[in-house]
């Protein structure tokens, strides 16, 4: 399994090769898409990408945690967390990739 990471640059390069936009236009397109996704998530909306998955924001309530080293109780404040749920097609594709 490789430790390679897909970056914004990789995405814009793929758009450049596949779509034929200039490198600048490709980078702007990728930034625009990521910006729209981020704005929607900040507003509390879900982002569904067909055959890929769903990004959503979950509201977590305050709770009491515990320091594993000392056993001391520590309050954990309420917060919003980003979650991703892959589609069944994505799960299957990843599972099939593991069989190689």
PDB file of N, CA and C in Angstrom:
ATOM      1  N   UNK A   1       0.845  -1.175   0.000  1.00  0.00           N
ATOM      2  CA  UNK A   1       0.000   0.000   0.000  1.00  0.00           C
ATOM      3  C   UNK A   1       0.893   1.241   0.000  1.00  0.00           C
ATOM      4  N   UNK A   2       0.607   2.206  -0.848  1.00  0.00           N
ATOM      5  CA  UNK A   2       1.468   3.378  -0.948  1.00  0.00           C
ATOM      6  C   UNK A   2       1.050   4.436   0.068  1.00  0.00           C
ATOM      7  N   UNK A   3       1.990   5.263   0.456  1.00  0.00           N
ATOM      8  CA  UNK A   3       1.723   6.349   1.386  1.00  0.00           C
ATOM      9  C   UNK A   3       1.530   7.667   0.652  1.00  0.00           C
ATOM     10  N   UNK A   4       1.230   7.607  -0.620  1.00  0.00           N
ATOM     11  CA  UNK A   4       1.042   8.799  -1.433  1.00  0.00           C
ATOM     12  C   UNK A   4      -0.233   9.514  -1.030  1.00  0.00           C
ATOM     13  N   UNK A   5      -0.223  10.846  -1.095  1.00  0.00           N
ATOM     14  CA  UNK A   5      -1.376  11.668  -0.750  1.00  0.00           C
ATOM     15  C   UNK A   5      -1.824  12.442  -1.978  1.00  0.00           C
ATOM     16  N   UNK A   6      -3.116  12.431  -2.249  1.00  0.00           N
ATOM     17  CA  UNK A   6      -3.678  13.200  -3.350  1.00  0.00           C
ATOM     18  C   UNK A   6      -3.856  14.641  -2.879  1.00  0.00           C
ATOM     19  N   UNK A   7      -3.261  15.593  -3.587  1.00  0.00           N
ATOM     20  CA  UNK A   7      -3.298  16.993  -3.177  1.00  0.00           C
ATOM     21  C   UNK A   7      -4.140  17.833  -4.141  1.00  0.00           C
ATOM     22  N   UNK A   8      -4.355  19.089  -3.772  1.00  0.00           N
ATOM     23  CA  UNK A   8      -5.057  20.029  -4.658  1.00  0.00           C
ATOM     24  C   UNK A   8      -4.334  20.136  -5.980  1.00  0.00           C
ATOM     25  N   UNK A   9      -3.026  20.161  -5.923  1.00  0.00           N
ATOM     26  CA  UNK A   9      -2.217  20.266  -7.133  1.00  0.00           C
ATOM     27  C   UNK A   9      -2.465  19.065  -8.049  1.00  0.00           C
ATOM     28  N   UNK A  10      -2.556  17.880  -7.459  1.00  0.00           N
ATOM     29  CA  UNK A  10      -2.836  16.667  -8.236  1.00  0.00           C
ATOM     30  C   UNK A  10      -4.204  16.757  -8.902  1.00  0.00           C
ATOM     31  N   UNK A  11      -5.190  17.253  -8.158  1.00  0.00           N
ATOM     32  CA  UNK A  11      -6.534  17.394  -8.712  1.00  0.00           C
ATOM     33  C   UNK A  11      -6.551  18.389  -9.867  1.00  0.00           C
ATOM     34  N   UNK A  12      -5.893  19.536  -9.687  1.00  0.00           N
ATOM     35  CA  UNK A  12      -5.888  20.530 -10.762  1.00  0.00           C
ATOM     36  C   UNK A  12      -5.102  20.029 -11.969  1.00  0.00           C
ATOM     37  N   UNK A  13      -4.078  19.243 -11.741  1.00  0.00           N
ATOM     38  CA  UNK A  13      -3.311  18.653 -12.847  1.00  0.00           C
ATOM     39  C   UNK A  13      -4.184  17.659 -13.613  1.00  0.00           C
ATOM     40  N   UNK A  14      -4.999  16.875 -12.882  1.00  0.00           N
ATOM     41  CA  UNK A  14      -5.910  15.921 -13.528  1.00  0.00           C
ATOM     42  C   UNK A  14      -6.956  16.658 -14.358  1.00  0.00           C
ATOM     43  N   UNK A  15      -7.480  17.759 -13.838  1.00  0.00           N
ATOM     44  CA  UNK A  15      -8.447  18.563 -14.601  1.00  0.00           C
ATOM     45  C   UNK A  15      -7.767  19.116 -15.852  1.00  0.00           C
ATOM     46  N   UNK A  16      -6.546  19.584 -15.700  1.00  0.00           N
ATOM     47  CA  UNK A  16      -5.775  20.113 -16.840  1.00  0.00           C
ATOM     48  C   UNK A  16      -5.640  19.054 -17.940  1.00  0.00           C
ATOM     49  N   UNK A  17      -5.264  17.830 -17.552  1.00  0.00           N
ATOM     50  CA  UNK A  17      -5.063  16.752 -18.528  1.00  0.00           C
ATOM     51  C   UNK A  17      -6.372  16.247 -19.118  1.00  0.00           C
ATOM     52  N   UNK A  18      -7.370  16.024 -18.288  1.00  0.00           N
ATOM     53  CA  UNK A  18      -8.615  15.394 -18.726  1.00  0.00           C
ATOM     54  C   UNK A  18      -9.568  16.352 -19.438  1.00  0.00           C
ATOM     55  N   UNK A  19      -9.675  17.583 -18.944  1.00  0.00           N
ATOM     56  CA  UNK A  19     -10.664  18.527 -19.476  1.00  0.00           C
ATOM     57  C   UNK A  19     -10.058  19.448 -20.532  1.00  0.00           C
ATOM     58  N   UNK A  20      -8.795  19.750 -20.371  1.00  0.00           N
ATOM     59  CA  UNK A  20      -8.145  20.602 -21.358  1.00  0.00           C
ATOM     60  C   UNK A  20      -8.141  22.076 -21.003  1.00  0.00           C
ATOM     61  N   UNK A  21      -8.537  22.429 -19.775  1.00  0.00           N
ATOM     62  CA  UNK A  21      -8.430  23.822 -19.338  1.00  0.00           C
ATOM     63  C   UNK A  21      -6.959  24.149 -19.114  1.00  0.00           C
ATOM     64  N   UNK A  22      -6.643  25.431 -19.061  1.00  0.00           N
ATOM     65  CA  UNK A  22      -5.268  25.810 -18.749  1.00  0.00           C
ATOM     66  C   UNK A  22      -4.963  25.431 -17.303  1.00  0.00           C
ATOM     67  N   UNK A  23      -3.700  25.417 -16.943  1.00  0.00           N
ATOM     68  CA  UNK A  23      -3.329  25.057 -15.565  1.00  0.00           C
ATOM     69  C   UNK A  23      -3.946  26.039 -14.565  1.00  0.00           C
ATOM     70  N   UNK A  24      -3.935  27.341 -14.897  1.00  0.00           N
ATOM     71  CA  UNK A  24      -4.532  28.340 -14.002  1.00  0.00           C
ATOM     72  C   UNK A  24      -6.026  28.120 -13.861  1.00  0.00           C
ATOM     73  N   UNK A  25      -6.713  27.895 -14.973  1.00  0.00           N
ATOM     74  CA  UNK A  25      -8.158  27.670 -14.936  1.00  0.00           C
ATOM     75  C   UNK A  25      -8.483  26.387 -14.164  1.00  0.00           C
ATOM     76  N   UNK A  26      -7.668  25.373 -14.346  1.00  0.00           N
ATOM     77  CA  UNK A  26      -7.872  24.112 -13.629  1.00  0.00           C
ATOM     78  C   UNK A  26      -7.736  24.317 -12.124  1.00  0.00           C
ATOM     79  N   UNK A  27      -6.706  25.047 -11.725  1.00  0.00           N
ATOM     80  CA  UNK A  27      -6.495  25.322 -10.301  1.00  0.00           C
ATOM     81  C   UNK A  27      -7.649  26.147  -9.742  1.00  0.00           C
ATOM     82  N   UNK A  28      -8.126  27.121 -10.499  1.00  0.00           N
ATOM     83  CA  UNK A  28      -9.251  27.945 -10.051  1.00  0.00           C
ATOM     84  C   UNK A  28     -10.521  27.107  -9.920  1.00  0.00           C
ATOM     85  N   UNK A  29     -10.746  26.189 -10.844  1.00  0.00           N
ATOM     86  CA  UNK A  29     -11.917  25.322 -10.795  1.00  0.00           C
ATOM     87  C   UNK A  29     -11.890  24.450  -9.543  1.00  0.00           C
ATOM     88  N   UNK A  30     -10.750  23.833  -9.272  1.00  0.00           N
ATOM     89  CA  UNK A  30     -10.611  22.986  -8.087  1.00  0.00           C
ATOM     90  C   UNK A  30     -10.838  23.814  -6.822  1.00  0.00           C
ATOM     91  N   UNK A  31     -10.241  24.997  -6.751  1.00  0.00           N
ATOM     92  CA  UNK A  31     -10.424  25.876  -5.592  1.00  0.00           C
ATOM     93  C   UNK A  31     -11.882  26.270  -5.428  1.00  0.00           C
ATOM     94  N   UNK A  32     -12.552  26.551  -6.531  1.00  0.00           N
ATOM     95  CA  UNK A  32     -13.957  26.936  -6.498  1.00  0.00           C
ATOM     96  C   UNK A  32     -14.828  25.802  -5.962  1.00  0.00           C
ATOM     97  N   UNK A  33     -14.595  24.598  -6.434  1.00  0.00           N
ATOM     98  CA  UNK A  33     -15.360  23.433  -5.975  1.00  0.00           C
ATOM     99  C   UNK A  33     -15.132  23.205  -4.481  1.00  0.00           C
ATOM    100  N   UNK A  34     -13.880  23.217  -4.061  1.00  0.00           N
ATOM    101  CA  UNK A  34     -13.579  23.004  -2.648  1.00  0.00           C
ATOM    102  C   UNK A  34     -14.167  24.123  -1.790  1.00  0.00           C
ATOM    103  N   UNK A  35     -14.165  25.350  -2.304  1.00  0.00           N
ATOM    104  CA  UNK A  35     -14.752  26.478  -1.597  1.00  0.00           C
ATOM    105  C   UNK A  35     -16.253  26.315  -1.419  1.00  0.00           C
ATOM    106  N   UNK A  36     -16.937  25.880  -2.483  1.00  0.00           N
ATOM    107  CA  UNK A  36     -18.385  25.637  -2.397  1.00  0.00           C
ATOM    108  C   UNK A  36     -18.686  24.533  -1.384  1.00  0.00           C
ATOM    109  N   UNK A  37     -17.888  23.483  -1.401  1.00  0.00           N
ATOM    110  CA  UNK A  37     -18.088  22.392  -0.452  1.00  0.00           C
ATOM    111  C   UNK A  37     -17.885  22.883   0.987  1.00  0.00           C
ATOM    112  N   UNK A  38     -16.819  23.623   1.222  1.00  0.00           N
ATOM    113  CA  UNK A  38     -16.524  24.145   2.558  1.00  0.00           C
ATOM    114  C   UNK A  38     -17.623  25.076   3.043  1.00  0.00           C
ATOM    115  N   UNK A  39     -18.072  25.975   2.168  1.00  0.00           N
ATOM    116  CA  UNK A  39     -19.128  26.928   2.539  1.00  0.00           C
ATOM    117  C   UNK A  39     -20.408  26.192   2.929  1.00  0.00           C
ATOM    118  N   UNK A  40     -20.758  25.160   2.181  1.00  0.00           N
ATOM    119  CA  UNK A  40     -21.967  24.388   2.483  1.00  0.00           C
ATOM    120  C   UNK A  40     -21.838  23.696   3.836  1.00  0.00           C
ATOM    121  N   UNK A  41     -20.682  23.136   4.115  1.00  0.00           N
ATOM    122  CA  UNK A  41     -20.476  22.440   5.386  1.00  0.00           C
ATOM    123  C   UNK A  41     -20.501  23.418   6.560  1.00  0.00           C
ATOM    124  N   UNK A  42     -19.899  24.581   6.383  1.00  0.00           N
ATOM    125  CA  UNK A  42     -19.920  25.603   7.430  1.00  0.00           C
ATOM    126  C   UNK A  42     -21.355  26.026   7.732  1.00  0.00           C
ATOM    127  N   UNK A  43     -22.197  26.075   6.693  1.00  0.00           N
ATOM    128  CA  UNK A  43     -23.601  26.452   6.844  1.00  0.00           C
ATOM    129  C   UNK A  43     -24.446  25.304   7.402  1.00  0.00           C
ATOM    130  N   UNK A  44     -23.828  24.150   7.650  1.00  0.00           N
ATOM    131  CA  UNK A  44     -24.543  23.017   8.219  1.00  0.00           C
ATOM    132  C   UNK A  44     -25.217  22.128   7.198  1.00  0.00           C
ATOM    133  N   UNK A  45     -24.951  22.335   5.922  1.00  0.00           N
ATOM    134  CA  UNK A  45     -25.543  21.521   4.867  1.00  0.00           C
ATOM    135  C   UNK A  45     -24.717  20.249   4.656  1.00  0.00           C
ATOM    136  N   UNK A  46     -25.361  19.237   4.084  1.00  0.00           N
ATOM    137  CA  UNK A  46     -24.645  18.029   3.679  1.00  0.00           C
ATOM    138  C   UNK A  46     -24.093  18.234   2.277  1.00  0.00           C
ATOM    139  N   UNK A  47     -22.977  17.583   1.987  1.00  0.00           N
ATOM    140  CA  UNK A  47     -22.417  17.588   0.635  1.00  0.00           C
ATOM    141  C   UNK A  47     -22.422  16.140   0.156  1.00  0.00           C
ATOM    142  N   UNK A  48     -23.286  15.845  -0.820  1.00  0.00           N
ATOM    143  CA  UNK A  48     -23.390  14.491  -1.372  1.00  0.00           C
ATOM    144  C   UNK A  48     -22.764  14.468  -2.750  1.00  0.00           C
ATOM    145  N   UNK A  49     -21.840  13.555  -2.942  1.00  0.00           N
ATOM    146  CA  UNK A  49     -21.211  13.364  -4.245  1.00  0.00           C
ATOM    147  C   UNK A  49     -21.547  11.944  -4.676  1.00  0.00           C
ATOM    148  N   UNK A  50     -22.354  11.844  -5.720  1.00  0.00           N
ATOM    149  CA  UNK A  50     -22.851  10.557  -6.191  1.00  0.00           C
ATOM    150  C   UNK A  50     -21.702   9.593  -6.453  1.00  0.00           C
ATOM    151  N   UNK A  51     -21.866   8.360  -6.032  1.00  0.00           N
ATOM    152  CA  UNK A  51     -20.890   7.276  -6.198  1.00  0.00           C
ATOM    153  C   UNK A  51     -19.601   7.502  -5.419  1.00  0.00           C
ATOM    154  N   UNK A  52     -19.575   8.515  -4.554  1.00  0.00           N
ATOM    155  CA  UNK A  52     -18.384   8.792  -3.753  1.00  0.00           C
ATOM    156  C   UNK A  52     -18.720   8.733  -2.277  1.00  0.00           C
ATOM    157  N   UNK A  53     -19.607   9.651  -1.821  1.00  0.00           N
ATOM    158  CA  UNK A  53     -19.979   9.638  -0.417  1.00  0.00           C
ATOM    159  C   UNK A  53     -20.621  10.943   0.006  1.00  0.00           C
ATOM    160  N   UNK A  54     -20.870  11.059   1.310  1.00  0.00           N
ATOM    161  CA  UNK A  54     -21.537  12.220   1.876  1.00  0.00           C
ATOM    162  C   UNK A  54     -20.710  12.807   3.004  1.00  0.00           C
ATOM    163  N   UNK A  55     -20.463  14.104   2.913  1.00  0.00           N
ATOM    164  CA  UNK A  55     -19.815  14.845   3.984  1.00  0.00           C
ATOM    165  C   UNK A  55     -20.917  15.536   4.770  1.00  0.00           C
ATOM    166  N   UNK A  56     -20.833  15.516   6.085  1.00  0.00           N
ATOM    167  CA  UNK A  56     -21.815  16.226   6.895  1.00  0.00           C
ATOM    168  C   UNK A  56     -21.157  16.703   8.185  1.00  0.00           C
ATOM    169  N   UNK A  57     -21.830  17.665   8.829  1.00  0.00           N
ATOM    170  CA  UNK A  57     -21.344  18.207  10.089  1.00  0.00           C
ATOM    171  C   UNK A  57     -22.255  17.690  11.189  1.00  0.00           C
ATOM    172  N   UNK A  58     -21.660  17.149  12.238  1.00  0.00           N
ATOM    173  CA  UNK A  58     -22.401  16.629  13.377  1.00  0.00           C
ATOM    174  C   UNK A  58     -22.183  17.523  14.586  1.00  0.00           C
ATOM    175  N   UNK A  59     -23.243  17.802  15.293  1.00  0.00           N
ATOM    176  CA  UNK A  59     -23.142  18.573  16.535  1.00  0.00           C
ATOM    177  C   UNK A  59     -22.933  17.581  17.675  1.00  0.00           C
ATOM    178  N   UNK A  60     -21.828  17.716  18.389  1.00  0.00           N
ATOM    179  CA  UNK A  60     -21.579  16.837  19.533  1.00  0.00           C
ATOM    180  C   UNK A  60     -21.824  17.627  20.816  1.00  0.00           C
ATOM    181  N   UNK A  61     -22.478  16.993  21.754  1.00  0.00           N
ATOM    182  CA  UNK A  61     -22.799  17.665  23.009  1.00  0.00           C
ATOM    183  C   UNK A  61     -21.612  17.611  23.963  1.00  0.00           C
ATOM    184  N   UNK A  62     -21.707  18.428  25.016  1.00  0.00           N
ATOM    185  CA  UNK A  62     -20.662  18.414  26.041  1.00  0.00           C
ATOM    186  C   UNK A  62     -20.715  17.079  26.773  1.00  0.00           C
ATOM    187  N   UNK A  63     -19.563  16.622  27.221  1.00  0.00           N
ATOM    188  CA  UNK A  63     -19.515  15.376  27.975  1.00  0.00           C
ATOM    189  C   UNK A  63     -18.284  15.377  28.858  1.00  0.00           C
ATOM    190  N   UNK A  64     -18.214  14.403  29.718  1.00  0.00           N
ATOM    191  CA  UNK A  64     -17.064  14.274  30.605  1.00  0.00           C
ATOM    192  C   UNK A  64     -16.151  13.198  30.044  1.00  0.00           C
ATOM    193  N   UNK A  65     -14.901  13.571  29.805  1.00  0.00           N
ATOM    194  CA  UNK A  65     -13.903  12.613  29.333  1.00  0.00           C
ATOM    195  C   UNK A  65     -12.970  12.246  30.468  1.00  0.00           C
ATOM    196  N   UNK A  66     -12.028  11.396  30.177  1.00  0.00           N
ATOM    197  CA  UNK A  66     -11.103  10.963  31.213  1.00  0.00           C
ATOM    198  C   UNK A  66      -9.695  10.928  30.639  1.00  0.00           C
ATOM    199  N   UNK A  67      -8.762  11.507  31.360  1.00  0.00           N
ATOM    200  CA  UNK A  67      -7.363  11.445  30.979  1.00  0.00           C
ATOM    201  C   UNK A  67      -6.903  10.007  31.206  1.00  0.00           C
ATOM    202  N   UNK A  68      -6.513   9.291  30.142  1.00  0.00           N
ATOM    203  CA  UNK A  68      -6.157   7.870  30.305  1.00  0.00           C
ATOM    204  C   UNK A  68      -4.928   7.651  31.182  1.00  0.00           C
ATOM    205  N   UNK A  69      -4.061   8.650  31.250  1.00  0.00           N
ATOM    206  CA  UNK A  69      -2.834   8.484  32.019  1.00  0.00           C
ATOM    207  C   UNK A  69      -3.080   8.633  33.526  1.00  0.00           C
ATOM    208  N   UNK A  70      -3.885   9.672  33.880  1.00  0.00           N
ATOM    209  CA  UNK A  70      -4.092   9.964  35.296  1.00  0.00           C
ATOM    210  C   UNK A  70      -5.451   9.511  35.810  1.00  0.00           C
ATOM    211  N   UNK A  71      -6.395   9.265  34.902  1.00  0.00           N
ATOM    212  CA  UNK A  71      -7.740   8.902  35.311  1.00  0.00           C
ATOM    213  C   UNK A  71      -8.584  10.107  35.700  1.00  0.00           C
ATOM    214  N   UNK A  72      -8.006  11.301  35.606  1.00  0.00           N
ATOM    215  CA  UNK A  72      -8.699  12.533  35.984  1.00  0.00           C
ATOM    216  C   UNK A  72      -9.818  12.834  34.984  1.00  0.00           C
ATOM    217  N   UNK A  73     -10.977  13.246  35.516  1.00  0.00           N
ATOM    218  CA  UNK A  73     -12.096  13.610  34.655  1.00  0.00           C
ATOM    219  C   UNK A  73     -11.850  15.000  34.068  1.00  0.00           C
ATOM    220  N   UNK A  74     -12.129  15.124  32.781  1.00  0.00           N
ATOM    221  CA  UNK A  74     -11.909  16.389  32.083  1.00  0.00           C
ATOM    222  C   UNK A  74     -13.169  16.712  31.286  1.00  0.00           C
ATOM    223  N   UNK A  75     -13.705  17.944  31.431  1.00  0.00           N
ATOM    224  CA  UNK A  75     -14.889  18.285  30.634  1.00  0.00           C
ATOM    225  C   UNK A  75     -14.515  18.492  29.168  1.00  0.00           C
ATOM    226  N   UNK A  76     -15.328  17.935  28.272  1.00  0.00           N
ATOM    227  CA  UNK A  76     -15.136  18.128  26.834  1.00  0.00           C
ATOM    228  C   UNK A  76     -16.289  18.998  26.364  1.00  0.00           C
ATOM    229  N   UNK A  77     -15.957  20.149  25.802  1.00  0.00           N
ATOM    230  CA  UNK A  77     -16.982  21.125  25.422  1.00  0.00           C
ATOM    231  C   UNK A  77     -17.729  20.686  24.162  1.00  0.00           C
ATOM    232  N   UNK A  78     -18.939  21.236  23.956  1.00  0.00           N
ATOM    233  CA  UNK A  78     -19.680  20.898  22.735  1.00  0.00           C
ATOM    234  C   UNK A  78     -18.923  21.400  21.505  1.00  0.00           C
ATOM    235  N   UNK A  79     -19.076  20.683  20.413  1.00  0.00           N
ATOM    236  CA  UNK A  79     -18.340  21.072  19.210  1.00  0.00           C
ATOM    237  C   UNK A  79     -19.025  20.505  17.976  1.00  0.00           C
ATOM    238  N   UNK A  80     -18.588  21.011  16.839  1.00  0.00           N
ATOM    239  CA  UNK A  80     -19.062  20.510  15.542  1.00  0.00           C
ATOM    240  C   UNK A  80     -17.931  19.718  14.920  1.00  0.00           C
ATOM    241  N   UNK A  81     -18.265  18.534  14.402  1.00  0.00           N
ATOM    242  CA  UNK A  81     -17.237  17.700  13.776  1.00  0.00           C
ATOM    243  C   UNK A  81     -17.669  17.327  12.362  1.00  0.00           C
ATOM    244  N   UNK A  82     -16.704  17.217  11.489  1.00  0.00           N
ATOM    245  CA  UNK A  82     -16.943  16.829  10.098  1.00  0.00           C
ATOM    246  C   UNK A  82     -16.909  15.310   9.998  1.00  0.00           C
ATOM    247  N   UNK A  83     -17.918  14.741   9.334  1.00  0.00           N
ATOM    248  CA  UNK A  83     -17.943  13.300   9.135  1.00  0.00           C
ATOM    249  C   UNK A  83     -18.052  13.004   7.642  1.00  0.00           C
ATOM    250  N   UNK A  84     -17.561  11.835   7.257  1.00  0.00           N
ATOM    251  CA  UNK A  84     -17.657  11.385   5.873  1.00  0.00           C
ATOM    252  C   UNK A  84     -18.203   9.978   5.884  1.00  0.00           C
ATOM    253  N   UNK A  85     -19.213   9.743   5.071  1.00  0.00           N
ATOM    254  CA  UNK A  85     -19.778   8.406   4.921  1.00  0.00           C
ATOM    255  C   UNK A  85     -19.635   7.995   3.457  1.00  0.00           C
ATOM    256  N   UNK A  86     -18.768   7.024   3.180  1.00  0.00           N
ATOM    257  CA  UNK A  86     -18.578   6.609   1.784  1.00  0.00           C
ATOM    258  C   UNK A  86     -19.808   5.891   1.237  1.00  0.00           C
ATOM    259  N   UNK A  87     -20.013   6.027  -0.081  1.00  0.00           N
ATOM    260  CA  UNK A  87     -21.119   5.323  -0.741  1.00  0.00           C
ATOM    261  C   UNK A  87     -20.775   3.838  -0.827  1.00  0.00           C
ATOM    262  N   UNK A  88     -21.783   3.036  -1.103  1.00  0.00           N
ATOM    263  CA  UNK A  88     -21.543   1.589  -1.247  1.00  0.00           C
ATOM    264  C   UNK A  88     -20.599   1.325  -2.419  1.00  0.00           C
ATOM    265  N   UNK A  89     -20.733   2.099  -3.487  1.00  0.00           N
ATOM    266  CA  UNK A  89     -19.834   1.911  -4.634  1.00  0.00           C
ATOM    267  C   UNK A  89     -18.385   2.197  -4.243  1.00  0.00           C
ATOM    268  N   UNK A  90     -18.172   3.247  -3.436  1.00  0.00           N
ATOM    269  CA  UNK A  90     -16.809   3.583  -2.996  1.00  0.00           C
ATOM    270  C   UNK A  90     -16.280   2.493  -2.068  1.00  0.00           C
ATOM    271  N   UNK A  91     -17.116   2.015  -1.169  1.00  0.00           N
ATOM    272  CA  UNK A  91     -16.693   0.930  -0.268  1.00  0.00           C
ATOM    273  C   UNK A  91     -16.281  -0.299  -1.066  1.00  0.00           C
ATOM    274  N   UNK A  92     -17.111  -0.661  -2.061  1.00  0.00           N
ATOM    275  CA  UNK A  92     -16.801  -1.818  -2.886  1.00  0.00           C
ATOM    276  C   UNK A  92     -15.510  -1.621  -3.666  1.00  0.00           C
ATOM    277  N   UNK A  93     -15.330  -0.429  -4.198  1.00  0.00           N
ATOM    278  CA  UNK A  93     -14.130  -0.146  -4.995  1.00  0.00           C
ATOM    279  C   UNK A  93     -12.865  -0.243  -4.136  1.00  0.00           C
ATOM    280  N   UNK A  94     -12.935   0.303  -2.923  1.00  0.00           N
ATOM    281  CA  UNK A  94     -11.783   0.228  -2.016  1.00  0.00           C
ATOM    282  C   UNK A  94     -11.524  -1.216  -1.609  1.00  0.00           C
ATOM    283  N   UNK A  95     -12.593  -1.966  -1.317  1.00  0.00           N
ATOM    284  CA  UNK A  95     -12.438  -3.361  -0.931  1.00  0.00           C
ATOM    285  C   UNK A  95     -11.819  -4.176  -2.065  1.00  0.00           C
ATOM    286  N   UNK A  96     -12.272  -3.917  -3.314  1.00  0.00           N
ATOM    287  CA  UNK A  96     -11.708  -4.618  -4.467  1.00  0.00           C
ATOM    288  C   UNK A  96     -10.240  -4.275  -4.654  1.00  0.00           C
ATOM    289  N   UNK A  97      -9.859  -3.050  -4.342  1.00  0.00           N
ATOM    290  CA  UNK A  97      -8.464  -2.635  -4.459  1.00  0.00           C
ATOM    291  C   UNK A  97      -7.568  -3.350  -3.475  1.00  0.00           C
ATOM    292  N   UNK A  98      -8.145  -3.755  -2.335  1.00  0.00           N
ATOM    293  CA  UNK A  98      -7.371  -4.478  -1.325  1.00  0.00           C
ATOM    294  C   UNK A  98      -7.053  -5.900  -1.761  1.00  0.00           C
ATOM    295  N   UNK A  99      -7.798  -6.442  -2.727  1.00  0.00           N
ATOM    296  CA  UNK A  99      -7.609  -7.837  -3.167  1.00  0.00           C
ATOM    297  C   UNK A  99      -6.449  -7.992  -4.135  1.00  0.00           C
ATOM    298  N   UNK A 100      -5.934  -6.895  -4.625  1.00  0.00           N
ATOM    299  CA  UNK A 100      -4.838  -6.987  -5.626  1.00  0.00           C
ATOM    300  C   UNK A 100      -3.561  -7.398  -4.998  1.00  0.00           C
TER     301      UNK A 100
END
